[in-house]
C-alpha cells in the first residue's frame, strides 16, 4: 500500500508516469523501504493506463463491496462482536468492583 501511495503522490506532484527512481525517494522521505520487486510490479501493472481511470475503477469496487456488506477490513458483521464483548467485560468489572467488601458490610 505504501508503494501505491508513493506512486499516487508522485502523480499528484505532476509526474504523470513515475518511475522507480521517482518512487524510492518518496518512500525514503518518510522512513519506509520499498521492495524493488513490488515497485517494478506496480509500475508494470499501471504502465500504459490512465491513473484517473484506475482510481475510478477502484472506487466502483469499493462501493460495491461496501453496499454488499463485504469489505477487506476483516468482515462486515464481525466488528460488532468485539464491541459487545467489551461491554460485557465492563459490566462484569462493574459488578466485581461493587463486591470489594467480599460480601461483608460495615454495618452488619
PDB file of N, CA and C in Angstrom:
ATOM      1  N   UNK A   1       0.818  -1.188   0.000  1.00  0.00           N
ATOM      2  CA  UNK A   1       0.000   0.000   0.000  1.00  0.00           C
ATOM      3  C   UNK A   1       0.864   1.254   0.000  1.00  0.00           C
ATOM      4  N   UNK A   2       1.989   1.200   0.722  1.00  0.00           N
ATOM      5  CA  UNK A   2       2.839   2.379   0.783  1.00  0.00           C
ATOM      6  C   UNK A   2       3.440   2.695  -0.582  1.00  0.00           C
ATOM      7  N   UNK A   3       3.664   1.686  -1.379  1.00  0.00           N
ATOM      8  CA  UNK A   3       4.217   1.917  -2.714  1.00  0.00           C
ATOM      9  C   UNK A   3       3.169   2.572  -3.607  1.00  0.00           C
ATOM     10  N   UNK A   4       1.940   2.121  -3.479  1.00  0.00           N
ATOM     11  CA  UNK A   4       0.839   2.733  -4.239  1.00  0.00           C
ATOM     12  C   UNK A   4       0.678   4.190  -3.822  1.00  0.00           C
ATOM     13  N   UNK A   5       0.740   4.443  -2.512  1.00  0.00           N
ATOM     14  CA  UNK A   5       0.608   5.811  -2.015  1.00  0.00           C
ATOM     15  C   UNK A   5       1.735   6.692  -2.544  1.00  0.00           C
ATOM     16  N   UNK A   6       2.955   6.175  -2.561  1.00  0.00           N
ATOM     17  CA  UNK A   6       4.092   6.939  -3.085  1.00  0.00           C
ATOM     18  C   UNK A   6       3.912   7.212  -4.570  1.00  0.00           C
ATOM     19  N   UNK A   7       3.406   6.227  -5.297  1.00  0.00           N
ATOM     20  CA  UNK A   7       3.144   6.406  -6.728  1.00  0.00           C
ATOM     21  C   UNK A   7       2.122   7.517  -6.938  1.00  0.00           C
ATOM     22  N   UNK A   8       1.031   7.470  -6.160  1.00  0.00           N
ATOM     23  CA  UNK A   8      -0.015   8.485  -6.300  1.00  0.00           C
ATOM     24  C   UNK A   8       0.495   9.868  -5.900  1.00  0.00           C
ATOM     25  N   UNK A   9       1.349   9.939  -4.892  1.00  0.00           N
ATOM     26  CA  UNK A   9       1.933  11.229  -4.517  1.00  0.00           C
ATOM     27  C   UNK A   9       2.791  11.791  -5.645  1.00  0.00           C
ATOM     28  N   UNK A  10       3.524  10.921  -6.310  1.00  0.00           N
ATOM     29  CA  UNK A  10       4.334  11.370  -7.444  1.00  0.00           C
ATOM     30  C   UNK A  10       3.439  11.898  -8.563  1.00  0.00           C
ATOM     31  N   UNK A  11       2.331  11.215  -8.798  1.00  0.00           N
ATOM     32  CA  UNK A  11       1.390  11.671  -9.825  1.00  0.00           C
ATOM     33  C   UNK A  11       0.794  13.017  -9.430  1.00  0.00           C
ATOM     34  N   UNK A  12       0.398  13.141  -8.164  1.00  0.00           N
ATOM     35  CA  UNK A  12      -0.156  14.410  -7.691  1.00  0.00           C
ATOM     36  C   UNK A  12       0.874  15.537  -7.780  1.00  0.00           C
ATOM     37  N   UNK A  13       2.134  15.169  -7.681  1.00  0.00           N
ATOM     38  CA  UNK A  13       3.205  16.151  -7.786  1.00  0.00           C
ATOM     39  C   UNK A  13       3.477  16.601  -9.212  1.00  0.00           C
ATOM     40  N   UNK A  14       2.781  16.024 -10.166  1.00  0.00           N
ATOM     41  CA  UNK A  14       2.922  16.472 -11.548  1.00  0.00           C
ATOM     42  C   UNK A  14       3.605  15.483 -12.475  1.00  0.00           C
ATOM     43  N   UNK A  15       4.061  14.364 -11.960  1.00  0.00           N
ATOM     44  CA  UNK A  15       4.723  13.353 -12.783  1.00  0.00           C
ATOM     45  C   UNK A  15       3.672  12.334 -13.209  1.00  0.00           C
ATOM     46  N   UNK A  16       3.249  12.407 -14.462  1.00  0.00           N
ATOM     47  CA  UNK A  16       2.156  11.538 -14.917  1.00  0.00           C
ATOM     48  C   UNK A  16       2.560  10.074 -15.040  1.00  0.00           C
ATOM     49  N   UNK A  17       3.840   9.787 -15.172  1.00  0.00           N
ATOM     50  CA  UNK A  17       4.327   8.405 -15.275  1.00  0.00           C
ATOM     51  C   UNK A  17       5.581   8.235 -14.422  1.00  0.00           C
ATOM     52  N   UNK A  18       5.416   8.126 -13.087  1.00  0.00           N
ATOM     53  CA  UNK A  18       6.582   7.996 -12.211  1.00  0.00           C
ATOM     54  C   UNK A  18       7.345   6.702 -12.459  1.00  0.00           C
ATOM     55  N   UNK A  19       8.629   6.767 -12.253  1.00  0.00           N
ATOM     56  CA  UNK A  19       9.486   5.588 -12.362  1.00  0.00           C
ATOM     57  C   UNK A  19       9.865   5.129 -10.961  1.00  0.00           C
ATOM     58  N   UNK A  20      10.588   4.020 -10.886  1.00  0.00           N
ATOM     59  CA  UNK A  20      11.058   3.514  -9.599  1.00  0.00           C
ATOM     60  C   UNK A  20      11.960   4.547  -8.928  1.00  0.00           C
ATOM     61  N   UNK A  21      12.739   5.264  -9.726  1.00  0.00           N
ATOM     62  CA  UNK A  21      13.619   6.296  -9.175  1.00  0.00           C
ATOM     63  C   UNK A  21      12.835   7.489  -8.634  1.00  0.00           C
ATOM     64  N   UNK A  22      11.614   7.656  -9.052  1.00  0.00           N
ATOM     65  CA  UNK A  22      10.749   8.719  -8.521  1.00  0.00           C
ATOM     66  C   UNK A  22      10.055   8.268  -7.231  1.00  0.00           C
ATOM     67  N   UNK A  23       9.765   6.976  -7.138  1.00  0.00           N
ATOM     68  CA  UNK A  23       9.022   6.439  -6.001  1.00  0.00           C
ATOM     69  C   UNK A  23       9.921   6.231  -4.786  1.00  0.00           C
ATOM     70  N   UNK A  24      11.139   5.736  -4.999  1.00  0.00           N
ATOM     71  CA  UNK A  24      12.037   5.438  -3.873  1.00  0.00           C
ATOM     72  C   UNK A  24      12.303   6.642  -2.974  1.00  0.00           C
ATOM     73  N   UNK A  25      12.599   7.832  -3.514  1.00  0.00           N
ATOM     74  CA  UNK A  25      12.844   8.977  -2.619  1.00  0.00           C
ATOM     75  C   UNK A  25      11.616   9.373  -1.791  1.00  0.00           C
ATOM     76  N   UNK A  26      10.442   9.173  -2.342  1.00  0.00           N
ATOM     77  CA  UNK A  26       9.218   9.478  -1.593  1.00  0.00           C
ATOM     78  C   UNK A  26       9.108   8.535  -0.400  1.00  0.00           C
ATOM     79  N   UNK A  27       9.359   7.263  -0.638  1.00  0.00           N
ATOM     80  CA  UNK A  27       9.311   6.288   0.439  1.00  0.00           C
ATOM     81  C   UNK A  27      10.380   6.579   1.494  1.00  0.00           C
ATOM     82  N   UNK A  28      11.583   6.883   1.041  1.00  0.00           N
ATOM     83  CA  UNK A  28      12.684   7.161   1.959  1.00  0.00           C
ATOM     84  C   UNK A  28      12.430   8.415   2.786  1.00  0.00           C
ATOM     85  N   UNK A  29      11.705   9.370   2.229  1.00  0.00           N
ATOM     86  CA  UNK A  29      11.452  10.623   2.949  1.00  0.00           C
ATOM     87  C   UNK A  29      10.605  10.416   4.201  1.00  0.00           C
ATOM     88  N   UNK A  30       9.868   9.304   4.246  1.00  0.00           N
ATOM     89  CA  UNK A  30       9.061   9.006   5.421  1.00  0.00           C
ATOM     90  C   UNK A  30       9.607   7.800   6.186  1.00  0.00           C
ATOM     91  N   UNK A  31      10.803   7.373   5.831  1.00  0.00           N
ATOM     92  CA  UNK A  31      11.444   6.273   6.545  1.00  0.00           C
ATOM     93  C   UNK A  31      10.942   4.901   6.164  1.00  0.00           C
ATOM     94  N   UNK A  32      10.302   4.781   5.028  1.00  0.00           N
ATOM     95  CA  UNK A  32       9.782   3.489   4.569  1.00  0.00           C
ATOM     96  C   UNK A  32      10.717   2.910   3.515  1.00  0.00           C
ATOM     97  N   UNK A  33      10.757   1.599   3.480  1.00  0.00           N
ATOM     98  CA  UNK A  33      11.551   0.928   2.458  1.00  0.00           C
ATOM     99  C   UNK A  33      10.613   0.343   1.410  1.00  0.00           C
ATOM    100  N   UNK A  34      11.042   0.425   0.168  1.00  0.00           N
ATOM    101  CA  UNK A  34      10.244  -0.138  -0.902  1.00  0.00           C
ATOM    102  C   UNK A  34      10.959  -1.315  -1.528  1.00  0.00           C
ATOM    103  N   UNK A  35      10.280  -2.434  -1.580  1.00  0.00           N
ATOM    104  CA  UNK A  35      10.822  -3.630  -2.211  1.00  0.00           C
ATOM    105  C   UNK A  35      10.881  -3.382  -3.715  1.00  0.00           C
ATOM    106  N   UNK A  36      12.059  -3.517  -4.295  1.00  0.00           N
ATOM    107  CA  UNK A  36      12.229  -3.252  -5.724  1.00  0.00           C
ATOM    108  C   UNK A  36      11.309  -4.108  -6.585  1.00  0.00           C
ATOM    109  N   UNK A  37      11.098  -5.341  -6.182  1.00  0.00           N
ATOM    110  CA  UNK A  37      10.217  -6.226  -6.939  1.00  0.00           C
ATOM    111  C   UNK A  37       8.785  -5.728  -6.950  1.00  0.00           C
ATOM    112  N   UNK A  38       8.324  -5.240  -5.798  1.00  0.00           N
ATOM    113  CA  UNK A  38       6.953  -4.733  -5.719  1.00  0.00           C
ATOM    114  C   UNK A  38       6.798  -3.416  -6.481  1.00  0.00           C
ATOM    115  N   UNK A  39       7.823  -2.585  -6.414  1.00  0.00           N
ATOM    116  CA  UNK A  39       7.778  -1.325  -7.172  1.00  0.00           C
ATOM    117  C   UNK A  39       7.700  -1.627  -8.656  1.00  0.00           C
ATOM    118  N   UNK A  40       8.546  -2.544  -9.107  1.00  0.00           N
ATOM    119  CA  UNK A  40       8.538  -2.916 -10.525  1.00  0.00           C
ATOM    120  C   UNK A  40       7.203  -3.528 -10.939  1.00  0.00           C
ATOM    121  N   UNK A  41       6.615  -4.341 -10.055  1.00  0.00           N
ATOM    122  CA  UNK A  41       5.322  -4.948 -10.358  1.00  0.00           C
ATOM    123  C   UNK A  41       4.243  -3.879 -10.497  1.00  0.00           C
ATOM    124  N   UNK A  42       4.224  -2.931  -9.576  1.00  0.00           N
ATOM    125  CA  UNK A  42       3.241  -1.848  -9.658  1.00  0.00           C
ATOM    126  C   UNK A  42       3.412  -1.071 -10.960  1.00  0.00           C
ATOM    127  N   UNK A  43       4.646  -0.718 -11.263  1.00  0.00           N
ATOM    128  CA  UNK A  43       4.895   0.058 -12.480  1.00  0.00           C
ATOM    129  C   UNK A  43       4.496  -0.728 -13.729  1.00  0.00           C
ATOM    130  N   UNK A  44       4.708  -2.028 -13.719  1.00  0.00           N
ATOM    131  CA  UNK A  44       4.304  -2.858 -14.850  1.00  0.00           C
ATOM    132  C   UNK A  44       2.784  -2.881 -14.981  1.00  0.00           C
ATOM    133  N   UNK A  45       2.098  -3.031 -13.836  1.00  0.00           N
ATOM    134  CA  UNK A  45       0.634  -3.133 -13.854  1.00  0.00           C
ATOM    135  C   UNK A  45      -0.040  -1.830 -14.282  1.00  0.00           C
ATOM    136  N   UNK A  46       0.545  -0.691 -13.956  1.00  0.00           N
ATOM    137  CA  UNK A  46      -0.099   0.584 -14.277  1.00  0.00           C
ATOM    138  C   UNK A  46       0.450   1.220 -15.554  1.00  0.00           C
ATOM    139  N   UNK A  47       1.446   0.578 -16.145  1.00  0.00           N
ATOM    140  CA  UNK A  47       2.012   1.145 -17.368  1.00  0.00           C
ATOM    141  C   UNK A  47       0.953   1.189 -18.469  1.00  0.00           C
ATOM    142  N   UNK A  48       0.962   2.268 -19.196  1.00  0.00           N
ATOM    143  CA  UNK A  48       0.041   2.488 -20.312  1.00  0.00           C
ATOM    144  C   UNK A  48      -1.429   2.542 -19.872  1.00  0.00           C
ATOM    145  N   UNK A  49      -1.652   2.851 -18.580  1.00  0.00           N
ATOM    146  CA  UNK A  49      -3.022   3.002 -18.080  1.00  0.00           C
ATOM    147  C   UNK A  49      -3.154   4.400 -17.503  1.00  0.00           C
ATOM    148  N   UNK A  50      -4.332   4.957 -17.633  1.00  0.00           N
ATOM    149  CA  UNK A  50      -4.602   6.284 -17.104  1.00  0.00           C
ATOM    150  C   UNK A  50      -4.928   6.170 -15.623  1.00  0.00           C
ATOM    151  N   UNK A  51      -4.227   6.917 -14.804  1.00  0.00           N
ATOM    152  CA  UNK A  51      -4.417   6.834 -13.358  1.00  0.00           C
ATOM    153  C   UNK A  51      -5.835   7.233 -12.955  1.00  0.00           C
ATOM    154  N   UNK A  52      -6.429   8.164 -13.670  1.00  0.00           N
ATOM    155  CA  UNK A  52      -7.795   8.594 -13.360  1.00  0.00           C
ATOM    156  C   UNK A  52      -8.774   7.438 -13.539  1.00  0.00           C
ATOM    157  N   UNK A  53      -8.586   6.667 -14.605  1.00  0.00           N
ATOM    158  CA  UNK A  53      -9.451   5.508 -14.841  1.00  0.00           C
ATOM    159  C   UNK A  53      -9.230   4.433 -13.783  1.00  0.00           C
ATOM    160  N   UNK A  54      -7.980   4.223 -13.378  1.00  0.00           N
ATOM    161  CA  UNK A  54      -7.691   3.228 -12.345  1.00  0.00           C
ATOM    162  C   UNK A  54      -8.350   3.595 -11.017  1.00  0.00           C
ATOM    163  N   UNK A  55      -8.291   4.867 -10.666  1.00  0.00           N
ATOM    164  CA  UNK A  55      -8.915   5.324  -9.428  1.00  0.00           C
ATOM    165  C   UNK A  55     -10.435   5.159  -9.524  1.00  0.00           C
ATOM    166  N   UNK A  56     -11.009   5.479 -10.677  1.00  0.00           N
ATOM    167  CA  UNK A  56     -12.461   5.343 -10.855  1.00  0.00           C
ATOM    168  C   UNK A  56     -12.890   3.883 -10.713  1.00  0.00           C
ATOM    169  N   UNK A  57     -12.137   2.964 -11.307  1.00  0.00           N
ATOM    170  CA  UNK A  57     -12.458   1.538 -11.199  1.00  0.00           C
ATOM    171  C   UNK A  57     -12.334   1.093  -9.741  1.00  0.00           C
ATOM    172  N   UNK A  58     -11.314   1.575  -9.056  1.00  0.00           N
ATOM    173  CA  UNK A  58     -11.137   1.237  -7.645  1.00  0.00           C
ATOM    174  C   UNK A  58     -12.282   1.735  -6.788  1.00  0.00           C
ATOM    175  N   UNK A  59     -12.750   2.937  -7.059  1.00  0.00           N
ATOM    176  CA  UNK A  59     -13.883   3.485  -6.311  1.00  0.00           C
ATOM    177  C   UNK A  59     -15.136   2.639  -6.517  1.00  0.00           C
ATOM    178  N   UNK A  60     -15.351   2.212  -7.748  1.00  0.00           N
ATOM    179  CA  UNK A  60     -16.515   1.378  -8.039  1.00  0.00           C
ATOM    180  C   UNK A  60     -16.447   0.072  -7.258  1.00  0.00           C
ATOM    181  N   UNK A  61     -15.268  -0.534  -7.214  1.00  0.00           N
ATOM    182  CA  UNK A  61     -15.108  -1.795  -6.496  1.00  0.00           C
ATOM    183  C   UNK A  61     -15.347  -1.613  -5.006  1.00  0.00           C
ATOM    184  N   UNK A  62     -14.863  -0.518  -4.446  1.00  0.00           N
ATOM    185  CA  UNK A  62     -15.074  -0.249  -3.033  1.00  0.00           C
ATOM    186  C   UNK A  62     -16.559  -0.019  -2.766  1.00  0.00           C
ATOM    187  N   UNK A  63     -17.220   0.713  -3.637  1.00  0.00           N
ATOM    188  CA  UNK A  63     -18.648   0.982  -3.462  1.00  0.00           C
ATOM    189  C   UNK A  63     -19.454  -0.306  -3.498  1.00  0.00           C
ATOM    190  N   UNK A  64     -19.119  -1.205  -4.394  1.00  0.00           N
ATOM    191  CA  UNK A  64     -19.826  -2.486  -4.490  1.00  0.00           C
ATOM    192  C   UNK A  64     -19.572  -3.303  -3.225  1.00  0.00           C
ATOM    193  N   UNK A  65     -18.332  -3.325  -2.745  1.00  0.00           N
ATOM    194  CA  UNK A  65     -18.006  -4.093  -1.546  1.00  0.00           C
ATOM    195  C   UNK A  65     -18.732  -3.532  -0.328  1.00  0.00           C
ATOM    196  N   UNK A  66     -18.811  -2.226  -0.224  1.00  0.00           N
ATOM    197  CA  UNK A  66     -19.479  -1.604   0.918  1.00  0.00           C
ATOM    198  C   UNK A  66     -20.977  -1.848   0.863  1.00  0.00           C
ATOM    199  N   UNK A  67     -21.566  -1.713  -0.314  1.00  0.00           N
ATOM    200  CA  UNK A  67     -23.015  -1.889  -0.429  1.00  0.00           C
ATOM    201  C   UNK A  67     -23.438  -3.337  -0.224  1.00  0.00           C
ATOM    202  N   UNK A  68     -22.538  -4.272  -0.506  1.00  0.00           N
ATOM    203  CA  UNK A  68     -22.879  -5.685  -0.316  1.00  0.00           C
ATOM    204  C   UNK A  68     -22.556  -6.164   1.088  1.00  0.00           C
ATOM    205  N   UNK A  69     -22.028  -5.268   1.911  1.00  0.00           N
ATOM    206  CA  UNK A  69     -21.725  -5.641   3.288  1.00  0.00           C
ATOM    207  C   UNK A  69     -20.389  -6.320   3.437  1.00  0.00           C
ATOM    208  N   UNK A  70     -19.666  -6.436   2.369  1.00  0.00           N
ATOM    209  CA  UNK A  70     -18.354  -7.058   2.425  1.00  0.00           C
ATOM    210  C   UNK A  70     -17.302  -6.039   2.731  1.00  0.00           C
ATOM    211  N   UNK A  71     -16.129  -6.313   2.325  1.00  0.00           N
ATOM    212  CA  UNK A  71     -15.037  -5.381   2.540  1.00  0.00           C
ATOM    213  C   UNK A  71     -13.788  -6.129   2.918  1.00  0.00           C
ATOM    214  N   UNK A  72     -12.678  -5.480   2.754  1.00  0.00           N
ATOM    215  CA  UNK A  72     -11.407  -6.102   3.059  1.00  0.00           C
ATOM    216  C   UNK A  72     -10.959  -5.882   4.483  1.00  0.00           C
ATOM    217  N   UNK A  73     -11.788  -5.288   5.298  1.00  0.00           N
ATOM    218  CA  UNK A  73     -11.377  -4.958   6.646  1.00  0.00           C
ATOM    219  C   UNK A  73     -11.602  -6.060   7.658  1.00  0.00           C
ATOM    220  N   UNK A  74     -11.803  -7.281   7.242  1.00  0.00           N
ATOM    221  CA  UNK A  74     -11.948  -8.356   8.199  1.00  0.00           C
ATOM    222  C   UNK A  74     -13.382  -8.806   8.387  1.00  0.00           C
ATOM    223  N   UNK A  75     -14.241  -8.457   7.492  1.00  0.00           N
ATOM    224  CA  UNK A  75     -15.622  -8.911   7.581  1.00  0.00           C
ATOM    225  C   UNK A  75     -16.517  -7.840   8.149  1.00  0.00           C
ATOM    226  N   UNK A  76     -17.658  -7.651   7.537  1.00  0.00           N
ATOM    227  CA  UNK A  76     -18.548  -6.577   7.936  1.00  0.00           C
ATOM    228  C   UNK A  76     -19.187  -6.763   9.289  1.00  0.00           C
ATOM    229  N   UNK A  77     -19.795  -7.908   9.547  1.00  0.00           N
ATOM    230  CA  UNK A  77     -20.524  -8.093  10.776  1.00  0.00           C
ATOM    231  C   UNK A  77     -19.656  -8.460  11.958  1.00  0.00           C
ATOM    232  N   UNK A  78     -18.428  -8.849  11.727  1.00  0.00           N
ATOM    233  CA  UNK A  78     -17.573  -9.302  12.814  1.00  0.00           C
ATOM    234  C   UNK A  78     -17.162  -8.162  13.724  1.00  0.00           C
ATOM    235  N   UNK A  79     -17.258  -6.927  13.257  1.00  0.00           N
ATOM    236  CA  UNK A  79     -16.832  -5.799  14.066  1.00  0.00           C
ATOM    237  C   UNK A  79     -17.726  -5.552  15.259  1.00  0.00           C
ATOM    238  N   UNK A  80     -18.983  -5.955  15.221  1.00  0.00           N
ATOM    239  CA  UNK A  80     -19.898  -5.689  16.322  1.00  0.00           C
ATOM    240  C   UNK A  80     -19.638  -6.623  17.495  1.00  0.00           C
ATOM    241  N   UNK A  81     -19.131  -7.793  17.245  1.00  0.00           N
ATOM    242  CA  UNK A  81     -18.918  -8.771  18.295  1.00  0.00           C
ATOM    243  C   UNK A  81     -17.914  -8.308  19.346  1.00  0.00           C
ATOM    244  N   UNK A  82     -16.732  -7.803  18.973  1.00  0.00           N
ATOM    245  CA  UNK A  82     -15.799  -7.339  19.999  1.00  0.00           C
ATOM    246  C   UNK A  82     -16.363  -6.203  20.836  1.00  0.00           C
ATOM    247  N   UNK A  83     -17.161  -5.326  20.234  1.00  0.00           N
ATOM    248  CA  UNK A  83     -17.753  -4.232  20.994  1.00  0.00           C
ATOM    249  C   UNK A  83     -18.721  -4.778  22.027  1.00  0.00           C
ATOM    250  N   UNK A  84     -19.508  -5.762  21.636  1.00  0.00           N
ATOM    251  CA  UNK A  84     -20.447  -6.372  22.574  1.00  0.00           C
ATOM    252  C   UNK A  84     -19.692  -7.080  23.690  1.00  0.00           C
ATOM    253  N   UNK A  85     -18.602  -7.776  23.334  1.00  0.00           N
ATOM    254  CA  UNK A  85     -17.805  -8.457  24.348  1.00  0.00           C
ATOM    255  C   UNK A  85     -17.179  -7.446  25.298  1.00  0.00           C
ATOM    256  N   UNK A  86     -16.727  -6.330  24.760  1.00  0.00           N
ATOM    257  CA  UNK A  86     -16.129  -5.291  25.588  1.00  0.00           C
ATOM    258  C   UNK A  86     -17.143  -4.749  26.588  1.00  0.00           C
ATOM    259  N   UNK A  87     -18.368  -4.553  26.119  1.00  0.00           N
ATOM    260  CA  UNK A  87     -19.415  -4.048  27.002  1.00  0.00           C
ATOM    261  C   UNK A  87     -19.709  -5.055  28.108  1.00  0.00           C
ATOM    262  N   UNK A  88     -19.733  -6.346  27.759  1.00  0.00           N
ATOM    263  CA  UNK A  88     -19.968  -7.378  28.767  1.00  0.00           C
ATOM    264  C   UNK A  88     -18.854  -7.374  29.801  1.00  0.00           C
ATOM    265  N   UNK A  89     -17.603  -7.202  29.332  1.00  0.00           N
ATOM    266  CA  UNK A  89     -16.473  -7.161  30.259  1.00  0.00           C
ATOM    267  C   UNK A  89     -16.597  -5.982  31.211  1.00  0.00           C
ATOM    268  N   UNK A  90     -17.037  -4.828  30.686  1.00  0.00           N
ATOM    269  CA  UNK A  90     -17.210  -3.660  31.537  1.00  0.00           C
ATOM    270  C   UNK A  90     -18.267  -3.924  32.598  1.00  0.00           C
ATOM    271  N   UNK A  91     -19.357  -4.590  32.209  1.00  0.00           N
ATOM    272  CA  UNK A  91     -20.415  -4.902  33.163  1.00  0.00           C
ATOM    273  C   UNK A  91     -19.889  -5.844  34.237  1.00  0.00           C
ATOM    274  N   UNK A  92     -19.080  -6.816  33.830  1.00  0.00           N
ATOM    275  CA  UNK A  92     -18.508  -7.750  34.791  1.00  0.00           C
ATOM    276  C   UNK A  92     -17.582  -7.006  35.741  1.00  0.00           C
ATOM    277  N   UNK A  93     -16.771  -6.097  35.216  1.00  0.00           N
ATOM    278  CA  UNK A  93     -15.866  -5.328  36.060  1.00  0.00           C
ATOM    279  C   UNK A  93     -16.643  -4.479  37.056  1.00  0.00           C
ATOM    280  N   UNK A  94     -17.713  -3.835  36.596  1.00  0.00           N
ATOM    281  CA  UNK A  94     -18.511  -3.003  37.487  1.00  0.00           C
ATOM    282  C   UNK A  94     -19.093  -3.844  38.608  1.00  0.00           C
ATOM    283  N   UNK A  95     -19.579  -5.008  38.292  1.00  0.00           N
ATOM    284  CA  UNK A  95     -20.146  -5.883  39.309  1.00  0.00           C
ATOM    285  C   UNK A  95     -19.053  -6.319  40.275  1.00  0.00           C
ATOM    286  N   UNK A  96     -17.898  -6.641  39.734  1.00  0.00           N
ATOM    287  CA  UNK A  96     -16.780  -7.062  40.565  1.00  0.00           C
ATOM    288  C   UNK A  96     -16.313  -5.947  41.484  1.00  0.00           C
ATOM    289  N   UNK A  97     -16.326  -4.719  41.016  1.00  0.00           N
ATOM    290  CA  UNK A  97     -15.898  -3.594  41.844  1.00  0.00           C
ATOM    291  C   UNK A  97     -16.875  -3.359  42.993  1.00  0.00           C
ATOM    292  N   UNK A  98     -18.138  -3.610  42.780  1.00  0.00           N
ATOM    293  CA  UNK A  98     -19.120  -3.395  43.840  1.00  0.00           C
ATOM    294  C   UNK A  98     -19.013  -4.473  44.915  1.00  0.00           C
ATOM    295  N   UNK A  99     -18.364  -5.576  44.609  1.00  0.00           N
ATOM    296  CA  UNK A  99     -18.197  -6.658  45.573  1.00  0.00           C
ATOM    297  C   UNK A  99     -16.845  -6.584  46.275  1.00  0.00           C
ATOM    298  N   UNK A 100     -16.261  -5.397  46.356  1.00  0.00           N
ATOM    299  CA  UNK A 100     -14.969  -5.251  47.008  1.00  0.00           C
ATOM    300  C   UNK A 100     -15.017  -5.621  48.485  1.00  0.00           C
ATOM    301  N   UNK A 101     -16.194  -5.537  49.098  1.00  0.00           N
ATOM    302  CA  UNK A 101     -16.300  -5.847  50.524  1.00  0.00           C
ATOM    303  C   UNK A 101     -16.388  -7.348  50.789  1.00  0.00           C
ATOM    304  N   UNK A 102     -16.308  -8.164  49.742  1.00  0.00           N
ATOM    305  CA  UNK A 102     -16.323  -9.628  49.807  1.00  0.00           C
ATOM    306  C   UNK A 102     -17.549 -10.166  50.530  1.00  0.00           C
ATOM    307  N   UNK A 103     -18.653  -9.484  50.382  1.00  0.00           N
ATOM    308  CA  UNK A 103     -19.883  -9.988  50.973  1.00  0.00           C
ATOM    309  C   UNK A 103     -20.122  -9.501  52.403  1.00  0.00           C
ATOM    310  N   UNK A 104     -19.201  -8.766  52.956  1.00  0.00           N
ATOM    311  CA  UNK A 104     -19.353  -8.262  54.320  1.00  0.00           C
ATOM    312  C   UNK A 104     -19.697  -6.772  54.263  1.00  0.00           C
ATOM    313  N   UNK A 105     -20.495  -6.335  55.157  1.00  0.00           N
ATOM    314  CA  UNK A 105     -20.844  -4.935  55.221  1.00  0.00           C
ATOM    315  C   UNK A 105     -20.311  -4.355  56.523  1.00  0.00           C
ATOM    316  N   UNK A 106     -19.986  -3.115  56.488  1.00  0.00           N
ATOM    317  CA  UNK A 106     -19.509  -2.450  57.690  1.00  0.00           C
ATOM    318  C   UNK A 106     -20.591  -2.339  58.742  1.00  0.00           C
ATOM    319  N   UNK A 107     -21.847  -2.402  58.285  1.00  0.00           N
ATOM    320  CA  UNK A 107     -22.950  -2.177  59.197  1.00  0.00           C
ATOM    321  C   UNK A 107     -23.696  -3.458  59.551  1.00  0.00           C
ATOM    322  N   UNK A 108     -23.118  -4.618  59.400  1.00  0.00           N
ATOM    323  CA  UNK A 108     -23.777  -5.891  59.760  1.00  0.00           C
ATOM    324  C   UNK A 108     -23.699  -6.124  61.232  1.00  0.00           C
TER     325      UNK A 108
END
